[in-house]
mmCIF file of all heavy atoms, coordinates in Angstrom:
data_MODEL
# 
_entry.id   MODEL 
# 
loop_
_atom_site.group_PDB 
_atom_site.id 
_atom_site.type_symbol 
_atom_site.label_atom_id 
_atom_site.label_alt_id 
_atom_site.label_comp_id 
_atom_site.label_asym_id 
_atom_site.label_entity_id 
_atom_site.label_seq_id 
_atom_site.pdbx_PDB_ins_code 
_atom_site.Cartn_x 
_atom_site.Cartn_y 
_atom_site.Cartn_z 
_atom_site.occupancy 
_atom_site.B_iso_or_equiv 
_atom_site.pdbx_formal_charge 
_atom_site.auth_seq_id 
_atom_site.auth_comp_id 
_atom_site.auth_asym_id 
_atom_site.auth_atom_id 
_atom_site.pdbx_PDB_model_num 
ATOM 1   N N   . ILE A 1 1  ? 15.152  -4.681  5.711   1.00 0.00 ? 1  ILE A N   1 
ATOM 2   C CA  . ILE A 1 1  ? 15.610  -5.534  4.609   1.00 0.00 ? 1  ILE A CA  1 
ATOM 3   C C   . ILE A 1 1  ? 15.245  -6.987  4.907   1.00 0.00 ? 1  ILE A C   1 
ATOM 4   O O   . ILE A 1 1  ? 14.714  -7.690  4.041   1.00 0.00 ? 1  ILE A O   1 
ATOM 5   C CB  . ILE A 1 1  ? 17.122  -5.378  4.381   1.00 0.00 ? 1  ILE A CB  1 
ATOM 6   C CG1 . ILE A 1 1  ? 17.436  -3.987  3.811   1.00 0.00 ? 1  ILE A CG1 1 
ATOM 7   C CG2 . ILE A 1 1  ? 17.662  -6.486  3.468   1.00 0.00 ? 1  ILE A CG2 1 
ATOM 8   C CD1 . ILE A 1 1  ? 18.918  -3.632  3.795   1.00 0.00 ? 1  ILE A CD1 1 
ATOM 9   N N   . GLN A 1 2  ? 15.507  -7.447  6.129   1.00 0.00 ? 2  GLN A N   1 
ATOM 10  C CA  . GLN A 1 2  ? 15.230  -8.840  6.495   1.00 0.00 ? 2  GLN A CA  1 
ATOM 11  C C   . GLN A 1 2  ? 13.739  -9.142  6.548   1.00 0.00 ? 2  GLN A C   1 
ATOM 12  O O   . GLN A 1 2  ? 13.296  -10.181 6.077   1.00 0.00 ? 2  GLN A O   1 
ATOM 13  C CB  . GLN A 1 2  ? 15.862  -9.162  7.850   1.00 0.00 ? 2  GLN A CB  1 
ATOM 14  C CG  . GLN A 1 2  ? 17.355  -9.213  7.817   1.00 0.00 ? 2  GLN A CG  1 
ATOM 15  C CD  . GLN A 1 2  ? 17.958  -9.328  9.214   1.00 0.00 ? 2  GLN A CD  1 
ATOM 16  O OE1 . GLN A 1 2  ? 17.330  -8.987  10.217  1.00 0.00 ? 2  GLN A OE1 1 
ATOM 17  N NE2 . GLN A 1 2  ? 19.189  -9.806  9.288   1.00 0.00 ? 2  GLN A NE2 1 
ATOM 18  N N   . GLN A 1 3  ? 12.942  -8.252  7.130   1.00 0.00 ? 3  GLN A N   1 
ATOM 19  C CA  . GLN A 1 3  ? 11.530  -8.528  7.387   1.00 0.00 ? 3  GLN A CA  1 
ATOM 20  C C   . GLN A 1 3  ? 10.616  -8.234  6.205   1.00 0.00 ? 3  GLN A C   1 
ATOM 21  O O   . GLN A 1 3  ? 9.498   -8.737  6.150   1.00 0.00 ? 3  GLN A O   1 
ATOM 22  C CB  . GLN A 1 3  ? 11.062  -7.726  8.606   1.00 0.00 ? 3  GLN A CB  1 
ATOM 23  C CG  . GLN A 1 3  ? 11.747  -8.134  9.884   1.00 0.00 ? 3  GLN A CG  1 
ATOM 24  C CD  . GLN A 1 3  ? 11.388  -7.223  11.048  1.00 0.00 ? 3  GLN A CD  1 
ATOM 25  O OE1 . GLN A 1 3  ? 10.358  -6.556  11.037  1.00 0.00 ? 3  GLN A OE1 1 
ATOM 26  N NE2 . GLN A 1 3  ? 12.244  -7.183  12.060  1.00 0.00 ? 3  GLN A NE2 1 
ATOM 27  N N   . SER A 1 4  ? 11.071  -7.446  5.245   1.00 0.00 ? 4  SER A N   1 
ATOM 28  C CA  . SER A 1 4  ? 10.211  -7.089  4.119   1.00 0.00 ? 4  SER A CA  1 
ATOM 29  C C   . SER A 1 4  ? 10.067  -8.268  3.164   1.00 0.00 ? 4  SER A C   1 
ATOM 30  O O   . SER A 1 4  ? 10.944  -9.114  3.059   1.00 0.00 ? 4  SER A O   1 
ATOM 31  C CB  . SER A 1 4  ? 10.784  -5.882  3.376   1.00 0.00 ? 4  SER A CB  1 
ATOM 32  O OG  . SER A 1 4  ? 12.037  -6.211  2.793   1.00 0.00 ? 4  SER A OG  1 
ATOM 33  N N   . THR A 1 5  ? 8.927   -8.310  2.476   1.00 0.00 ? 5  THR A N   1 
ATOM 34  C CA  . THR A 1 5  ? 8.741   -9.301  1.416   1.00 0.00 ? 5  THR A CA  1 
ATOM 35  C C   . THR A 1 5  ? 9.234   -8.762  0.087   1.00 0.00 ? 5  THR A C   1 
ATOM 36  O O   . THR A 1 5  ? 9.388   -9.524  -0.866  1.00 0.00 ? 5  THR A O   1 
ATOM 37  C CB  . THR A 1 5  ? 7.261   -9.732  1.305   1.00 0.00 ? 5  THR A CB  1 
ATOM 38  O OG1 . THR A 1 5  ? 6.445   -8.576  1.149   1.00 0.00 ? 5  THR A OG1 1 
ATOM 39  C CG2 . THR A 1 5  ? 6.830   -10.504 2.535   1.00 0.00 ? 5  THR A CG2 1 
ATOM 40  N N   . GLY A 1 6  ? 9.469   -7.467  0.017   1.00 0.00 ? 6  GLY A N   1 
ATOM 41  C CA  . GLY A 1 6  ? 10.006  -6.861  -1.181  1.00 0.00 ? 6  GLY A CA  1 
ATOM 42  C C   . GLY A 1 6  ? 10.423  -5.429  -0.926  1.00 0.00 ? 6  GLY A C   1 
ATOM 43  O O   . GLY A 1 6  ? 9.942   -4.785  0.012   1.00 0.00 ? 6  GLY A O   1 
ATOM 44  N N   . ILE A 1 7  ? 11.357  -4.961  -1.738  1.00 0.00 ? 7  ILE A N   1 
ATOM 45  C CA  . ILE A 1 7  ? 11.793  -3.566  -1.700  1.00 0.00 ? 7  ILE A CA  1 
ATOM 46  C C   . ILE A 1 7  ? 11.789  -3.088  -3.140  1.00 0.00 ? 7  ILE A C   1 
ATOM 47  O O   . ILE A 1 7  ? 12.405  -3.722  -4.004  1.00 0.00 ? 7  ILE A O   1 
ATOM 48  C CB  . ILE A 1 7  ? 13.205  -3.414  -1.093  1.00 0.00 ? 7  ILE A CB  1 
ATOM 49  C CG1 . ILE A 1 7  ? 13.274  -4.050  0.300   1.00 0.00 ? 7  ILE A CG1 1 
ATOM 50  C CG2 . ILE A 1 7  ? 13.617  -1.938  -1.043  1.00 0.00 ? 7  ILE A CG2 1 
ATOM 51  C CD1 . ILE A 1 7  ? 14.690  -4.191  0.845   1.00 0.00 ? 7  ILE A CD1 1 
ATOM 52  N N   . VAL A 1 8  ? 11.065  -2.000  -3.394  1.00 0.00 ? 8  VAL A N   1 
ATOM 53  C CA  . VAL A 1 8  ? 10.963  -1.497  -4.762  1.00 0.00 ? 8  VAL A CA  1 
ATOM 54  C C   . VAL A 1 8  ? 11.294  -0.016  -4.825  1.00 0.00 ? 8  VAL A C   1 
ATOM 55  O O   . VAL A 1 8  ? 11.113  0.717   -3.856  1.00 0.00 ? 8  VAL A O   1 
ATOM 56  C CB  . VAL A 1 8  ? 9.550   -1.725  -5.359  1.00 0.00 ? 8  VAL A CB  1 
ATOM 57  C CG1 . VAL A 1 8  ? 9.221   -3.209  -5.444  1.00 0.00 ? 8  VAL A CG1 1 
ATOM 58  C CG2 . VAL A 1 8  ? 8.476   -0.972  -4.587  1.00 0.00 ? 8  VAL A CG2 1 
ATOM 59  N N   . ARG A 1 9  ? 11.766  0.373   -5.980  1.00 0.00 ? 9  ARG A N   1 
ATOM 60  C CA  . ARG A 1 9  ? 11.870  1.782   -6.339  1.00 0.00 ? 9  ARG A CA  1 
ATOM 61  C C   . ARG A 1 9  ? 10.712  1.999   -7.292  1.00 0.00 ? 9  ARG A C   1 
ATOM 62  O O   . ARG A 1 9  ? 10.565  1.264   -8.278  1.00 0.00 ? 9  ARG A O   1 
ATOM 63  C CB  . ARG A 1 9  ? 13.200  2.062   -7.012  1.00 0.00 ? 9  ARG A CB  1 
ATOM 64  C CG  . ARG A 1 9  ? 13.395  3.494   -7.422  1.00 0.00 ? 9  ARG A CG  1 
ATOM 65  C CD  . ARG A 1 9  ? 14.767  3.680   -8.030  1.00 0.00 ? 9  ARG A CD  1 
ATOM 66  N NE  . ARG A 1 9  ? 14.959  5.052   -8.455  1.00 0.00 ? 9  ARG A NE  1 
ATOM 67  C CZ  . ARG A 1 9  ? 16.089  5.512   -8.970  1.00 0.00 ? 9  ARG A CZ  1 
ATOM 68  N NH1 . ARG A 1 9  ? 17.126  4.712   -9.132  1.00 0.00 ? 9  ARG A NH1 1 
ATOM 69  N NH2 . ARG A 1 9  ? 16.181  6.774   -9.330  1.00 0.00 ? 9  ARG A NH2 1 
ATOM 70  N N   . ALA A 1 10 ? 9.849   2.969   -6.989  1.00 0.00 ? 10 ALA A N   1 
ATOM 71  C CA  . ALA A 1 10 ? 8.621   3.107   -7.768  1.00 0.00 ? 10 ALA A CA  1 
ATOM 72  C C   . ALA A 1 10 ? 8.109   4.536   -7.737  1.00 0.00 ? 10 ALA A C   1 
ATOM 73  O O   . ALA A 1 10 ? 8.460   5.322   -6.856  1.00 0.00 ? 10 ALA A O   1 
ATOM 74  C CB  . ALA A 1 10 ? 7.554   2.168   -7.217  1.00 0.00 ? 10 ALA A CB  1 
ATOM 75  N N   . LYS A 1 11 ? 7.236   4.834   -8.699  1.00 0.00 ? 11 LYS A N   1 
ATOM 76  C CA  . LYS A 1 11 ? 6.592   6.142   -8.787  1.00 0.00 ? 11 LYS A CA  1 
ATOM 77  C C   . LYS A 1 11 ? 5.095   5.952   -8.545  1.00 0.00 ? 11 LYS A C   1 
ATOM 78  O O   . LYS A 1 11 ? 4.490   4.996   -9.044  1.00 0.00 ? 11 LYS A O   1 
ATOM 79  C CB  . LYS A 1 11 ? 6.816   6.753   -10.166 1.00 0.00 ? 11 LYS A CB  1 
ATOM 80  C CG  . LYS A 1 11 ? 6.242   8.158   -10.310 1.00 0.00 ? 11 LYS A CG  1 
ATOM 81  C CD  . LYS A 1 11 ? 6.505   8.723   -11.676 1.00 0.00 ? 11 LYS A CD  1 
ATOM 82  C CE  . LYS A 1 11 ? 7.906   9.308   -11.679 1.00 0.00 ? 11 LYS A CE  1 
ATOM 83  N NZ  . LYS A 1 11 ? 8.157   10.163  -12.852 1.00 0.00 ? 11 LYS A NZ  1 
ATOM 84  N N   . VAL A 1 12 ? 4.496   6.856   -7.779  1.00 0.00 ? 12 VAL A N   1 
ATOM 85  C CA  . VAL A 1 12 ? 3.064   6.803   -7.499  1.00 0.00 ? 12 VAL A CA  1 
ATOM 86  C C   . VAL A 1 12 ? 2.311   7.311   -8.730  1.00 0.00 ? 12 VAL A C   1 
ATOM 87  O O   . VAL A 1 12 ? 2.558   8.418   -9.207  1.00 0.00 ? 12 VAL A O   1 
ATOM 88  C CB  . VAL A 1 12 ? 2.700   7.656   -6.264  1.00 0.00 ? 12 VAL A CB  1 
ATOM 89  C CG1 . VAL A 1 12 ? 1.201   7.626   -6.008  1.00 0.00 ? 12 VAL A CG1 1 
ATOM 90  C CG2 . VAL A 1 12 ? 3.458   7.182   -5.039  1.00 0.00 ? 12 VAL A CG2 1 
ATOM 91  N N   . THR A 1 13 ? 1.374   6.476   -9.228  1.00 0.00 ? 13 THR A N   1 
ATOM 92  C CA  . THR A 1 13 ? 0.615   6.856   -10.418 1.00 0.00 ? 13 THR A CA  1 
ATOM 93  C C   . THR A 1 13 ? -0.849  7.152   -10.105 1.00 0.00 ? 13 THR A C   1 
ATOM 94  O O   . THR A 1 13 ? -1.573  7.630   -10.976 1.00 0.00 ? 13 THR A O   1 
ATOM 95  C CB  . THR A 1 13 ? 0.686   5.755   -11.491 1.00 0.00 ? 13 THR A CB  1 
ATOM 96  O OG1 . THR A 1 13 ? 0.184   4.533   -10.938 1.00 0.00 ? 13 THR A OG1 1 
ATOM 97  C CG2 . THR A 1 13 ? 2.126   5.563   -11.964 1.00 0.00 ? 13 THR A CG2 1 
ATOM 98  N N   . GLY A 1 14 ? -1.299  6.876   -8.886  1.00 0.00 ? 14 GLY A N   1 
ATOM 99  C CA  . GLY A 1 14 ? -2.685  7.160   -8.523  1.00 0.00 ? 14 GLY A CA  1 
ATOM 100 C C   . GLY A 1 14 ? -3.008  6.604   -7.154  1.00 0.00 ? 14 GLY A C   1 
ATOM 101 O O   . GLY A 1 14 ? -2.193  5.912   -6.533  1.00 0.00 ? 14 GLY A O   1 
ATOM 102 N N   . SER A 1 15 ? -4.223  6.904   -6.677  1.00 0.00 ? 15 SER A N   1 
ATOM 103 C CA  . SER A 1 15 ? -4.657  6.393   -5.368  1.00 0.00 ? 15 SER A CA  1 
ATOM 104 C C   . SER A 1 15 ? -6.170  6.427   -5.278  1.00 0.00 ? 15 SER A C   1 
ATOM 105 O O   . SER A 1 15 ? -6.833  7.146   -6.025  1.00 0.00 ? 15 SER A O   1 
ATOM 106 C CB  . SER A 1 15 ? -4.048  7.221   -4.226  1.00 0.00 ? 15 SER A CB  1 
ATOM 107 O OG  . SER A 1 15 ? -4.554  8.543   -4.250  1.00 0.00 ? 15 SER A OG  1 
ATOM 108 N N   . TYR A 1 16 ? -6.694  5.641   -4.363  1.00 0.00 ? 16 TYR A N   1 
ATOM 109 C CA  . TYR A 1 16 ? -8.116  5.647   -4.029  1.00 0.00 ? 16 TYR A CA  1 
ATOM 110 C C   . TYR A 1 16 ? -8.244  5.105   -2.606  1.00 0.00 ? 16 TYR A C   1 
ATOM 111 O O   . TYR A 1 16 ? -7.345  4.424   -2.103  1.00 0.00 ? 16 TYR A O   1 
ATOM 112 C CB  . TYR A 1 16 ? -8.945  4.807   -5.018  1.00 0.00 ? 16 TYR A CB  1 
ATOM 113 C CG  . TYR A 1 16 ? -8.632  3.327   -4.959  1.00 0.00 ? 16 TYR A CG  1 
ATOM 114 C CD1 . TYR A 1 16 ? -9.387  2.464   -4.174  1.00 0.00 ? 16 TYR A CD1 1 
ATOM 115 C CD2 . TYR A 1 16 ? -7.586  2.788   -5.699  1.00 0.00 ? 16 TYR A CD2 1 
ATOM 116 C CE1 . TYR A 1 16 ? -9.096  1.112   -4.113  1.00 0.00 ? 16 TYR A CE1 1 
ATOM 117 C CE2 . TYR A 1 16 ? -7.293  1.442   -5.653  1.00 0.00 ? 16 TYR A CE2 1 
ATOM 118 C CZ  . TYR A 1 16 ? -8.052  0.602   -4.865  1.00 0.00 ? 16 TYR A CZ  1 
ATOM 119 O OH  . TYR A 1 16 ? -7.759  -0.731  -4.799  1.00 0.00 ? 16 TYR A OH  1 
ATOM 120 N N   . SER A 1 17 ? -9.342  5.420   -1.955  1.00 0.00 ? 17 SER A N   1 
ATOM 121 C CA  . SER A 1 17 ? -9.599  4.925   -0.597  1.00 0.00 ? 17 SER A CA  1 
ATOM 122 C C   . SER A 1 17 ? -10.829 4.044   -0.613  1.00 0.00 ? 17 SER A C   1 
ATOM 123 O O   . SER A 1 17 ? -11.761 4.270   -1.390  1.00 0.00 ? 17 SER A O   1 
ATOM 124 C CB  . SER A 1 17 ? -9.803  6.085   0.380   1.00 0.00 ? 17 SER A CB  1 
ATOM 125 O OG  . SER A 1 17 ? -8.615  6.829   0.517   1.00 0.00 ? 17 SER A OG  1 
ATOM 126 N N   . ALA A 1 18 ? -10.824 3.038   0.255   1.00 0.00 ? 18 ALA A N   1 
ATOM 127 C CA  . ALA A 1 18 ? -11.947 2.101   0.343   1.00 0.00 ? 18 ALA A CA  1 
ATOM 128 C C   . ALA A 1 18 ? -11.939 1.439   1.716   1.00 0.00 ? 18 ALA A C   1 
ATOM 129 O O   . ALA A 1 18 ? -10.915 1.425   2.406   1.00 0.00 ? 18 ALA A O   1 
ATOM 130 C CB  . ALA A 1 18 ? -11.835 1.040   -0.743  1.00 0.00 ? 18 ALA A CB  1 
ATOM 131 N N   . PHE A 1 19 ? -13.087 0.915   2.078   1.00 0.00 ? 19 PHE A N   1 
ATOM 132 C CA  . PHE A 1 19 ? -13.184 0.152   3.315   1.00 0.00 ? 19 PHE A CA  1 
ATOM 133 C C   . PHE A 1 19 ? -12.582 -1.226  3.116   1.00 0.00 ? 19 PHE A C   1 
ATOM 134 O O   . PHE A 1 19 ? -12.717 -1.843  2.058   1.00 0.00 ? 19 PHE A O   1 
ATOM 135 C CB  . PHE A 1 19 ? -14.648 0.000   3.747   1.00 0.00 ? 19 PHE A CB  1 
ATOM 136 C CG  . PHE A 1 19 ? -15.162 1.181   4.518   1.00 0.00 ? 19 PHE A CG  1 
ATOM 137 C CD1 . PHE A 1 19 ? -15.769 2.228   3.871   1.00 0.00 ? 19 PHE A CD1 1 
ATOM 138 C CD2 . PHE A 1 19 ? -15.001 1.232   5.897   1.00 0.00 ? 19 PHE A CD2 1 
ATOM 139 C CE1 . PHE A 1 19 ? -16.232 3.318   4.577   1.00 0.00 ? 19 PHE A CE1 1 
ATOM 140 C CE2 . PHE A 1 19 ? -15.461 2.319   6.615   1.00 0.00 ? 19 PHE A CE2 1 
ATOM 141 C CZ  . PHE A 1 19 ? -16.081 3.371   5.950   1.00 0.00 ? 19 PHE A CZ  1 
ATOM 142 N N   . ARG A 1 20 ? -11.934 -1.707  4.140   1.00 0.00 ? 20 ARG A N   1 
ATOM 143 C CA  . ARG A 1 20 ? -11.486 -3.099  4.257   1.00 0.00 ? 20 ARG A CA  1 
ATOM 144 C C   . ARG A 1 20 ? -11.989 -3.528  5.620   1.00 0.00 ? 20 ARG A C   1 
ATOM 145 O O   . ARG A 1 20 ? -11.404 -3.159  6.634   1.00 0.00 ? 20 ARG A O   1 
ATOM 146 C CB  . ARG A 1 20 ? -9.981  -3.210  4.142   1.00 0.00 ? 20 ARG A CB  1 
ATOM 147 C CG  . ARG A 1 20 ? -9.485  -4.647  4.208   1.00 0.00 ? 20 ARG A CG  1 
ATOM 148 C CD  . ARG A 1 20 ? -7.986  -4.713  3.928   1.00 0.00 ? 20 ARG A CD  1 
ATOM 149 N NE  . ARG A 1 20 ? -7.469  -6.035  4.136   1.00 0.00 ? 20 ARG A NE  1 
ATOM 150 C CZ  . ARG A 1 20 ? -7.365  -6.967  3.194   1.00 0.00 ? 20 ARG A CZ  1 
ATOM 151 N NH1 . ARG A 1 20 ? -7.735  -6.698  1.965   1.00 0.00 ? 20 ARG A NH1 1 
ATOM 152 N NH2 . ARG A 1 20 ? -6.887  -8.154  3.489   1.00 0.00 ? 20 ARG A NH2 1 
ATOM 153 N N   . GLY A 1 21 ? -13.101 -4.246  5.633   1.00 0.00 ? 21 GLY A N   1 
ATOM 154 C CA  . GLY A 1 21 ? -13.776 -4.516  6.894   1.00 0.00 ? 21 GLY A CA  1 
ATOM 155 C C   . GLY A 1 21 ? -14.322 -3.203  7.427   1.00 0.00 ? 21 GLY A C   1 
ATOM 156 O O   . GLY A 1 21 ? -14.990 -2.466  6.713   1.00 0.00 ? 21 GLY A O   1 
ATOM 157 N N   . ARG A 1 22 ? -14.005 -2.888  8.680   1.00 0.00 ? 22 ARG A N   1 
ATOM 158 C CA  . ARG A 1 22 ? -14.472 -1.640  9.291   1.00 0.00 ? 22 ARG A CA  1 
ATOM 159 C C   . ARG A 1 22 ? -13.464 -0.513  9.161   1.00 0.00 ? 22 ARG A C   1 
ATOM 160 O O   . ARG A 1 22 ? -13.715 0.597   9.608   1.00 0.00 ? 22 ARG A O   1 
ATOM 161 C CB  . ARG A 1 22 ? -14.783 -1.901  10.764  1.00 0.00 ? 22 ARG A CB  1 
ATOM 162 C CG  . ARG A 1 22 ? -15.946 -2.866  10.944  1.00 0.00 ? 22 ARG A CG  1 
ATOM 163 C CD  . ARG A 1 22 ? -16.209 -3.200  12.378  1.00 0.00 ? 22 ARG A CD  1 
ATOM 164 N NE  . ARG A 1 22 ? -16.419 -1.994  13.174  1.00 0.00 ? 22 ARG A NE  1 
ATOM 165 C CZ  . ARG A 1 22 ? -16.520 -1.988  14.481  1.00 0.00 ? 22 ARG A CZ  1 
ATOM 166 N NH1 . ARG A 1 22 ? -16.430 -3.112  15.148  1.00 0.00 ? 22 ARG A NH1 1 
ATOM 167 N NH2 . ARG A 1 22 ? -16.708 -0.870  15.128  1.00 0.00 ? 22 ARG A NH2 1 
ATOM 168 N N   . ASP A 1 23 ? -12.314 -0.797  8.568   1.00 0.00 ? 23 ASP A N   1 
ATOM 169 C CA  . ASP A 1 23 ? -11.245 0.190   8.475   1.00 0.00 ? 23 ASP A CA  1 
ATOM 170 C C   . ASP A 1 23 ? -11.133 0.762   7.066   1.00 0.00 ? 23 ASP A C   1 
ATOM 171 O O   . ASP A 1 23 ? -11.358 0.067   6.074   1.00 0.00 ? 23 ASP A O   1 
ATOM 172 C CB  . ASP A 1 23 ? -9.907  -0.434  8.871   1.00 0.00 ? 23 ASP A CB  1 
ATOM 173 C CG  . ASP A 1 23 ? -9.900  -0.902  10.315  1.00 0.00 ? 23 ASP A CG  1 
ATOM 174 O OD1 . ASP A 1 23 ? -10.416 -0.166  11.177  1.00 0.00 ? 23 ASP A OD1 1 
ATOM 175 O OD2 . ASP A 1 23 ? -9.399  -2.006  10.586  1.00 0.00 ? 23 ASP A OD2 1 
ATOM 176 N N   . VAL A 1 24 ? -10.740 2.029   7.001   1.00 0.00 ? 24 VAL A N   1 
ATOM 177 C CA  . VAL A 1 24 ? -10.502 2.691   5.728   1.00 0.00 ? 24 VAL A CA  1 
ATOM 178 C C   . VAL A 1 24 ? -9.017  2.579   5.404   1.00 0.00 ? 24 VAL A C   1 
ATOM 179 O O   . VAL A 1 24 ? -8.164  2.788   6.272   1.00 0.00 ? 24 VAL A O   1 
ATOM 180 C CB  . VAL A 1 24 ? -10.919 4.180   5.780   1.00 0.00 ? 24 VAL A CB  1 
ATOM 181 C CG1 . VAL A 1 24 ? -10.561 4.890   4.479   1.00 0.00 ? 24 VAL A CG1 1 
ATOM 182 C CG2 . VAL A 1 24 ? -12.402 4.321   6.079   1.00 0.00 ? 24 VAL A CG2 1 
ATOM 183 N N   . TYR A 1 25 ? -8.729  2.226   4.168   1.00 0.00 ? 25 TYR A N   1 
ATOM 184 C CA  . TYR A 1 25 ? -7.360  2.187   3.667   1.00 0.00 ? 25 TYR A CA  1 
ATOM 185 C C   . TYR A 1 25 ? -7.278  3.057   2.418   1.00 0.00 ? 25 TYR A C   1 
ATOM 186 O O   . TYR A 1 25 ? -8.224  3.140   1.652   1.00 0.00 ? 25 TYR A O   1 
ATOM 187 C CB  . TYR A 1 25 ? -6.939  0.764   3.278   1.00 0.00 ? 25 TYR A CB  1 
ATOM 188 C CG  . TYR A 1 25 ? -6.525  -0.083  4.448   1.00 0.00 ? 25 TYR A CG  1 
ATOM 189 C CD1 . TYR A 1 25 ? -7.469  -0.726  5.247   1.00 0.00 ? 25 TYR A CD1 1 
ATOM 190 C CD2 . TYR A 1 25 ? -5.181  -0.263  4.753   1.00 0.00 ? 25 TYR A CD2 1 
ATOM 191 C CE1 . TYR A 1 25 ? -7.085  -1.501  6.323   1.00 0.00 ? 25 TYR A CE1 1 
ATOM 192 C CE2 . TYR A 1 25 ? -4.788  -1.045  5.829   1.00 0.00 ? 25 TYR A CE2 1 
ATOM 193 C CZ  . TYR A 1 25 ? -5.749  -1.661  6.607   1.00 0.00 ? 25 TYR A CZ  1 
ATOM 194 O OH  . TYR A 1 25 ? -5.365  -2.431  7.668   1.00 0.00 ? 25 TYR A OH  1 
ATOM 195 N N   . THR A 1 26 ? -6.111  3.671   2.228   1.00 0.00 ? 26 THR A N   1 
ATOM 196 C CA  . THR A 1 26 ? -5.816  4.335   0.973   1.00 0.00 ? 26 THR A CA  1 
ATOM 197 C C   . THR A 1 26 ? -4.889  3.413   0.200   1.00 0.00 ? 26 THR A C   1 
ATOM 198 O O   . THR A 1 26 ? -3.879  2.944   0.734   1.00 0.00 ? 26 THR A O   1 
ATOM 199 C CB  . THR A 1 26 ? -5.160  5.708   1.203   1.00 0.00 ? 26 THR A CB  1 
ATOM 200 O OG1 . THR A 1 26 ? -6.073  6.528   1.940   1.00 0.00 ? 26 THR A OG1 1 
ATOM 201 C CG2 . THR A 1 26 ? -4.831  6.386   -0.122  1.00 0.00 ? 26 THR A CG2 1 
# 
């Protein structure tokens, strides 16, 4: 709670993966 910049209640509507520099993120 203290360290987060936000807390949300949410539903996942989609996803994709891509490179960010040399690392892959979803």
